[in-house]
Amino acid sequence: MKPVLYPLRTANGTIVTRGWPMDPRPGERVDHPHHVGLWFNYGNVNGLDFWNNSTAIPAEQKSGFGTIKHVAVKNMIADDKKAELEVTMNWQKPDGANLLKQDTKYIFTKEGEQLAIELITKLTSLKEDVTFSDNKEGLLGIRLARELEHPSTEPQKFTDANGIPTDVAKLNNAGVTGKYRSSEGFEGDNVWSTRGKWVNLNGQIGDERVSLVILDNPKNVGYPTYWHARGYGLFAANPLGQKEFSKGKETLNYKLKAGQSVVFRYKVLINAGSNLSDTEVNKKFLEFAVPR
C-alpha cells in the first residue's frame, strides 16, 4: 500500500530489516504487516490512515485508509562516490483521487564500512487543503531485523490510531541484542515519546556489530523530532504527532494549503563492524545539519 526501500543491508551484505511479510525468516515476529523495510507516511491525513494500510485490512474497512502509489522514476545515477534515485508518488484517497504529490530523492553513499541513505522528501498538496492531524503513527519508519530488537520480557498489546489492537508476543531472546540511545541520553524503551536530534540503535547480527542511526535535520517541521521507537522492532521519527507524545501539552496539527509544499530531510546511517559512540554520531549529525 506504499513504496518502500527493502531490504536495508550493511556494507558487508547483512540484512538489518525484517523479512516478513515479503521474505519471512525463522524466528521473526509476524505483527504489523504494514511495517516493511524503510518507508515514509502518516496515520492521519485529512482523516485517512496511510500508516496502517496493508493487504491485511478487510475490504469493508478500506474507506478509512489512504494508499501511496508509485508514479515514476525521475532520475537514477551512480558513480564511484554516490548513487541517487529520484521518484514521484501520489498519496491517494480510497476512490483513487490524488491528495498529495510526493517527490523524494534518495542519496546513497559509502564511507569505509558505513553506508548512508539521505532522504529529501517534498510533499505538495494538490486540489485541497491538507491537515496532518497529530497522530503517533508516522513519519519515517524502519522495521528492524529480529537481532536488532530489544530482548522482550513479556507479551504486549499496541493499539493503532483506529483503536485496532495488535498483539506482540514474547519470543526467544537468543541473539537479540538491540538497544536504542538518543542524542538526549535516553536509552532502550525510554526513548519512545521523547524528542531528540538523533537516535542510535546498537546491536549485533551474528558476528557483526551494527549501528543503525536516524538523523533529524534542523530544517524539518517539528524539530527536534519525537521518536516512535519501540523495542519490538519499529524505529521511527515522528515530528507531527506532538499531542500524542506530549500527552496533550503540545499540539501541532500541521496544515498545507492547496498548492503548498513542505520538505523533510533525514539521513539513515548503517555502520558495520562496530557500534558508534555518541561522539561519532554527533559528528555525523553536525555534518548533516550544516546548511548547504
Protein backbone atom coordinates (compact mmCIF):
# COMPACT_ATOMS: atom_id res chain seq x y z
CA MET A 1 0.00 0.00 0.00
CA LYS A 2 3.11 2.24 -0.20
CA PRO A 3 6.54 2.24 -1.87
CA VAL A 4 9.37 1.12 0.42
CA LEU A 5 13.13 0.65 0.37
CA TYR A 6 13.77 -3.04 1.05
CA PRO A 7 15.92 -4.67 2.25
CA LEU A 8 18.46 -2.48 4.02
CA ARG A 9 21.90 -4.03 4.37
CA THR A 10 25.29 -3.30 5.89
CA ALA A 11 28.30 -2.79 3.62
CA ASN A 12 29.02 -6.50 4.14
CA GLY A 13 25.57 -7.52 2.93
CA THR A 14 23.99 -8.30 6.31
CA ILE A 15 20.28 -7.52 6.23
CA VAL A 16 19.17 -5.18 9.05
CA THR A 17 15.43 -5.05 8.22
CA ARG A 18 12.75 -7.63 8.99
CA GLY A 19 11.95 -10.06 6.19
CA TRP A 20 8.28 -10.78 6.96
CA PRO A 21 5.85 -10.45 5.23
CA MET A 22 7.83 -10.25 1.96
CA ASP A 23 10.62 -12.73 2.72
CA PRO A 24 9.94 -14.47 6.08
CA ARG A 25 12.90 -15.66 8.14
CA PRO A 26 12.81 -18.14 11.06
CA GLY A 27 12.18 -16.60 14.48
CA GLU A 28 10.80 -13.28 13.21
CA ARG A 29 7.75 -11.52 14.57
CA VAL A 30 4.66 -11.57 12.37
CA ASP A 31 2.86 -8.49 13.73
CA HIS A 32 2.13 -5.17 11.99
CA PRO A 33 2.12 -6.26 8.32
CA HIS A 34 2.42 -2.59 7.26
CA HIS A 35 5.96 -2.43 8.71
CA VAL A 36 8.14 -3.23 5.66
CA GLY A 37 11.73 -2.07 5.10
CA LEU A 38 12.06 1.72 5.22
CA TRP A 39 9.04 3.89 4.45
CA PHE A 40 7.60 7.41 4.73
CA ASN A 41 3.92 8.01 5.50
CA TYR A 42 1.47 9.14 8.19
CA GLY A 43 -1.51 7.98 10.23
CA ASN A 44 -3.99 10.84 9.83
CA VAL A 45 -4.06 12.92 6.65
CA ASN A 46 -7.45 14.61 6.25
CA GLY A 47 -8.84 11.78 8.34
CA LEU A 48 -7.27 9.00 6.25
CA ASP A 49 -4.81 6.49 7.71
CA PHE A 50 -1.87 5.96 5.36
CA TRP A 51 0.40 4.37 8.00
CA ASN A 52 -1.60 1.27 8.93
CA ASN A 53 -2.85 0.35 5.45
CA SER A 54 -1.85 -3.11 4.20
CA THR A 55 -3.27 -6.09 2.37
CA ALA A 56 -4.47 -7.33 5.78
CA ILE A 57 -7.13 -4.59 6.04
CA PRO A 58 -10.60 -6.05 5.31
CA ALA A 59 -12.42 -4.61 2.28
CA GLU A 60 -15.23 -3.25 4.45
CA GLN A 61 -12.72 -1.08 6.37
CA LYS A 62 -10.75 0.25 3.39
CA SER A 63 -12.74 3.51 3.25
CA GLY A 64 -10.70 4.85 6.17
CA PHE A 65 -7.29 4.21 4.63
CA GLY A 66 -5.12 6.00 2.09
CA THR A 67 -2.71 4.45 -0.41
CA ILE A 68 0.60 5.78 -1.74
CA LYS A 69 1.13 4.86 -5.39
CA HIS A 70 4.49 4.91 -7.17
CA VAL A 71 4.23 7.11 -10.27
CA ALA A 72 7.67 7.41 -11.85
CA VAL A 73 11.42 7.21 -11.51
CA LYS A 74 12.54 10.71 -12.49
CA ASN A 75 16.28 10.24 -12.25
CA MET A 76 18.74 7.48 -11.44
CA ILE A 77 22.51 7.99 -11.45
CA ALA A 78 25.51 6.26 -9.94
CA ASP A 79 29.28 6.72 -9.90
CA ASP A 80 32.17 5.75 -7.65
CA LYS A 81 31.16 8.28 -4.98
CA LYS A 82 27.37 8.01 -4.68
CA ALA A 83 24.10 6.90 -6.21
CA GLU A 84 20.89 8.91 -6.46
CA LEU A 85 17.32 7.84 -7.03
CA GLU A 86 14.55 10.39 -7.58
CA VAL A 87 10.95 9.18 -7.55
CA THR A 88 7.42 10.58 -7.63
CA MET A 89 4.47 9.14 -5.70
CA ASN A 90 0.81 10.10 -5.18
CA TRP A 91 -1.00 9.92 -1.85
CA GLN A 92 -4.46 8.74 -2.84
CA LYS A 93 -7.91 8.65 -1.27
CA PRO A 94 -9.87 5.37 -1.31
CA ASP A 95 -11.61 6.49 -4.51
CA GLY A 96 -8.24 6.97 -6.27
CA ALA A 97 -8.25 10.79 -6.18
CA ASN A 98 -4.81 12.30 -5.55
CA LEU A 99 -4.46 14.22 -2.28
CA LEU A 100 -0.69 14.82 -2.15
CA LYS A 101 2.21 14.58 -4.56
CA GLN A 102 5.45 13.25 -3.10
CA ASP A 103 8.85 13.82 -4.69
CA THR A 104 11.72 12.05 -2.94
CA LYS A 105 15.42 11.99 -3.66
CA TYR A 106 17.42 9.16 -2.07
CA ILE A 107 21.18 9.71 -1.92
CA PHE A 108 23.25 6.59 -1.23
CA THR A 109 26.89 6.92 -0.10
CA LYS A 110 29.58 4.72 1.44
CA GLU A 111 32.45 5.72 3.70
CA GLY A 112 34.55 2.78 4.81
CA GLU A 113 32.17 0.27 6.40
CA GLN A 114 29.42 2.85 6.81
CA LEU A 115 26.54 3.19 4.38
CA ALA A 116 24.28 6.26 4.39
CA ILE A 117 20.87 6.92 2.88
CA GLU A 118 19.85 10.57 2.76
CA LEU A 119 16.18 11.27 2.04
CA ILE A 120 14.86 14.59 0.79
CA THR A 121 11.07 14.37 0.57
CA LYS A 122 8.83 17.13 -0.79
CA LEU A 123 5.08 16.87 -0.16
CA THR A 124 2.78 19.10 -2.21
CA SER A 125 -0.94 19.42 -1.52
CA LEU A 126 -2.96 19.34 -4.73
CA LYS A 127 -6.57 20.48 -5.07
CA GLU A 128 -7.47 20.89 -1.40
CA ASP A 129 -6.01 21.92 1.94
CA VAL A 130 -4.36 19.04 3.79
CA THR A 131 -4.12 18.58 7.56
CA PHE A 132 -1.72 16.17 9.24
CA SER A 133 -3.64 15.80 12.49
CA ASP A 134 -1.46 14.94 15.49
CA ASN A 135 -1.05 11.16 15.45
CA LYS A 136 1.57 8.79 16.82
CA GLU A 137 1.74 6.77 13.58
CA GLY A 138 4.48 8.39 11.50
CA LEU A 139 6.59 9.58 9.75
CA LEU A 140 9.86 7.95 8.68
CA GLY A 141 9.92 4.30 9.75
CA ILE A 142 12.17 1.24 9.66
CA ARG A 143 11.21 -2.28 10.77
CA LEU A 144 14.24 -4.00 12.24
CA ALA A 145 15.65 -7.49 11.91
CA ARG A 146 14.91 -9.66 14.96
CA GLU A 147 18.53 -9.43 16.16
CA LEU A 148 18.27 -5.63 16.48
CA GLU A 149 15.11 -5.66 18.61
CA HIS A 150 15.26 -5.23 22.36
CA PRO A 151 15.00 -8.50 24.29
CA SER A 152 11.30 -9.00 25.09
CA THR A 153 10.35 -9.85 28.66
CA GLU A 154 6.58 -10.18 28.21
CA PRO A 155 3.92 -10.11 25.50
CA GLN A 156 2.45 -6.67 24.74
CA LYS A 157 -0.57 -5.17 23.02
CA PHE A 158 -0.38 -1.99 20.92
CA THR A 159 -3.39 -0.07 19.61
CA ASP A 160 -3.26 1.91 16.37
CA ALA A 161 -4.96 5.22 15.55
CA ASN A 162 -8.18 3.39 14.65
CA GLY A 163 -8.36 1.62 18.00
CA ILE A 164 -7.37 -1.71 16.47
CA PRO A 165 -5.15 -3.71 18.87
CA THR A 166 -2.15 -5.74 17.73
CA ASP A 167 -0.62 -8.41 19.97
CA VAL A 168 3.19 -8.57 20.08
CA ALA A 169 4.30 -11.89 21.50
CA LYS A 170 7.21 -12.67 23.78
CA LEU A 171 9.79 -14.63 21.78
CA ASN A 172 13.05 -16.45 22.39
CA ASN A 173 15.67 -13.78 23.07
CA ALA A 174 18.66 -15.75 21.79
CA GLY A 175 20.78 -13.42 19.64
CA VAL A 176 18.56 -10.39 20.31
CA THR A 177 20.92 -7.51 21.10
CA GLY A 178 19.39 -4.14 20.17
CA LYS A 179 19.46 -1.02 22.32
CA TYR A 180 18.33 2.50 21.42
CA ARG A 181 20.24 5.56 22.60
CA SER A 182 19.12 9.10 21.82
CA SER A 183 21.02 12.37 21.49
CA GLU A 184 19.49 13.39 24.83
CA GLY A 185 20.82 10.30 26.65
CA PHE A 186 17.62 8.27 26.82
CA GLU A 187 18.12 4.53 26.35
CA GLY A 188 16.09 1.47 25.48
CA ASP A 189 12.31 1.73 25.62
CA ASN A 190 12.68 5.10 27.39
CA VAL A 191 13.49 6.68 24.01
CA TRP A 192 9.83 6.35 22.97
CA SER A 193 7.87 9.66 23.01
CA THR A 194 10.99 11.77 23.72
CA ARG A 195 12.47 14.45 21.48
CA GLY A 196 15.97 14.16 20.08
CA LYS A 197 18.23 15.18 17.20
CA TRP A 198 19.11 11.55 16.53
CA VAL A 199 18.71 8.01 17.79
CA ASN A 200 21.40 5.35 17.52
CA LEU A 201 20.41 1.67 17.63
CA ASN A 202 23.37 -0.50 18.59
CA GLY A 203 23.34 -4.28 18.29
CA GLN A 204 24.94 -7.33 16.75
CA ILE A 205 23.84 -9.71 13.99
CA GLY A 206 25.87 -12.91 14.12
CA ASP A 207 29.49 -11.85 14.49
CA GLU A 208 28.91 -8.38 13.04
CA ARG A 209 28.41 -5.37 15.29
CA VAL A 210 25.92 -2.95 13.76
CA SER A 211 24.74 0.61 14.42
CA LEU A 212 21.61 1.88 12.70
CA VAL A 213 21.09 5.63 13.10
CA ILE A 214 18.36 8.07 12.07
CA LEU A 215 19.43 11.73 11.96
CA ASP A 216 16.85 14.53 12.11
CA ASN A 217 17.52 17.87 10.42
CA PRO A 218 17.03 21.38 11.91
CA LYS A 219 15.10 22.43 8.78
CA ASN A 220 12.36 19.89 9.43
CA VAL A 221 8.94 20.81 10.78
CA GLY A 222 8.72 19.90 14.47
CA TYR A 223 12.50 19.67 15.00
CA PRO A 224 13.79 18.03 17.12
CA THR A 225 11.52 15.14 16.29
CA TYR A 226 9.67 12.88 18.67
CA TRP A 227 10.67 9.22 18.42
CA HIS A 228 8.11 6.49 17.79
CA ALA A 229 10.75 3.86 18.58
CA ARG A 230 9.55 0.56 20.01
CA GLY A 231 11.63 -2.28 21.41
CA TYR A 232 9.79 -4.87 19.30
CA GLY A 233 11.45 -3.52 16.15
CA LEU A 234 9.71 -0.33 14.99
CA PHE A 235 12.26 2.51 14.63
CA ALA A 236 10.52 5.73 13.56
CA ALA A 237 10.89 9.51 13.71
CA ASN A 238 7.61 11.43 14.03
CA PRO A 239 7.71 15.25 14.27
CA LEU A 240 3.96 15.60 13.58
CA GLY A 241 2.42 13.64 16.46
CA GLN A 242 3.14 16.17 19.17
CA LYS A 243 -0.19 15.98 21.03
CA GLU A 244 0.12 12.20 21.35
CA PHE A 245 3.72 12.16 22.54
CA SER A 246 3.42 15.14 24.92
CA LYS A 247 0.19 13.83 26.49
CA GLY A 248 -1.68 16.92 25.32
CA LYS A 249 0.85 19.55 26.42
CA GLU A 250 1.69 20.44 22.78
CA THR A 251 -0.41 20.46 19.63
CA LEU A 252 0.73 20.89 16.03
CA ASN A 253 -1.95 19.67 13.55
CA TYR A 254 0.32 20.69 10.67
CA LYS A 255 -1.52 22.12 7.65
CA LEU A 256 -0.71 22.62 3.97
CA LYS A 257 -2.87 24.96 1.91
CA ALA A 258 -3.80 23.74 -1.58
CA GLY A 259 -0.71 24.11 -3.78
CA GLN A 260 1.71 24.49 -0.87
CA SER A 261 4.74 22.26 -0.27
CA VAL A 262 6.84 21.14 2.68
CA VAL A 263 10.24 19.39 2.65
CA PHE A 264 11.51 16.80 5.12
CA ARG A 265 15.17 15.76 5.31
CA TYR A 266 16.52 12.70 7.10
CA LYS A 267 19.66 10.61 6.99
CA VAL A 268 20.00 6.93 7.88
CA LEU A 269 23.43 5.51 8.77
CA ILE A 270 24.17 1.77 8.66
CA ASN A 271 27.52 1.15 10.33
CA ALA A 272 29.15 -2.29 10.16
CA GLY A 273 31.87 -3.79 12.31
CA SER A 274 31.47 -1.55 15.35
CA ASN A 275 28.88 0.24 17.45
CA LEU A 276 29.02 4.02 17.04
CA SER A 277 29.66 6.24 20.04
CA ASP A 278 27.74 9.44 20.89
CA THR A 279 30.74 11.45 19.69
CA GLU A 280 30.81 9.68 16.33
CA VAL A 281 27.07 10.11 15.79
CA ASN A 282 27.17 13.77 16.84
CA LYS A 283 29.89 14.38 14.26
CA LYS A 284 27.69 12.90 11.53
CA PHE A 285 24.70 14.90 12.75
CA LEU A 286 26.61 18.19 12.62
CA GLU A 287 27.78 17.42 9.07
CA PHE A 288 24.17 16.76 8.05
CA ALA A 289 22.77 19.78 9.90
CA VAL A 290 25.07 22.35 8.28
CA PRO A 291 23.15 24.35 5.63
CA ARG A 292 24.22 23.61 2.08
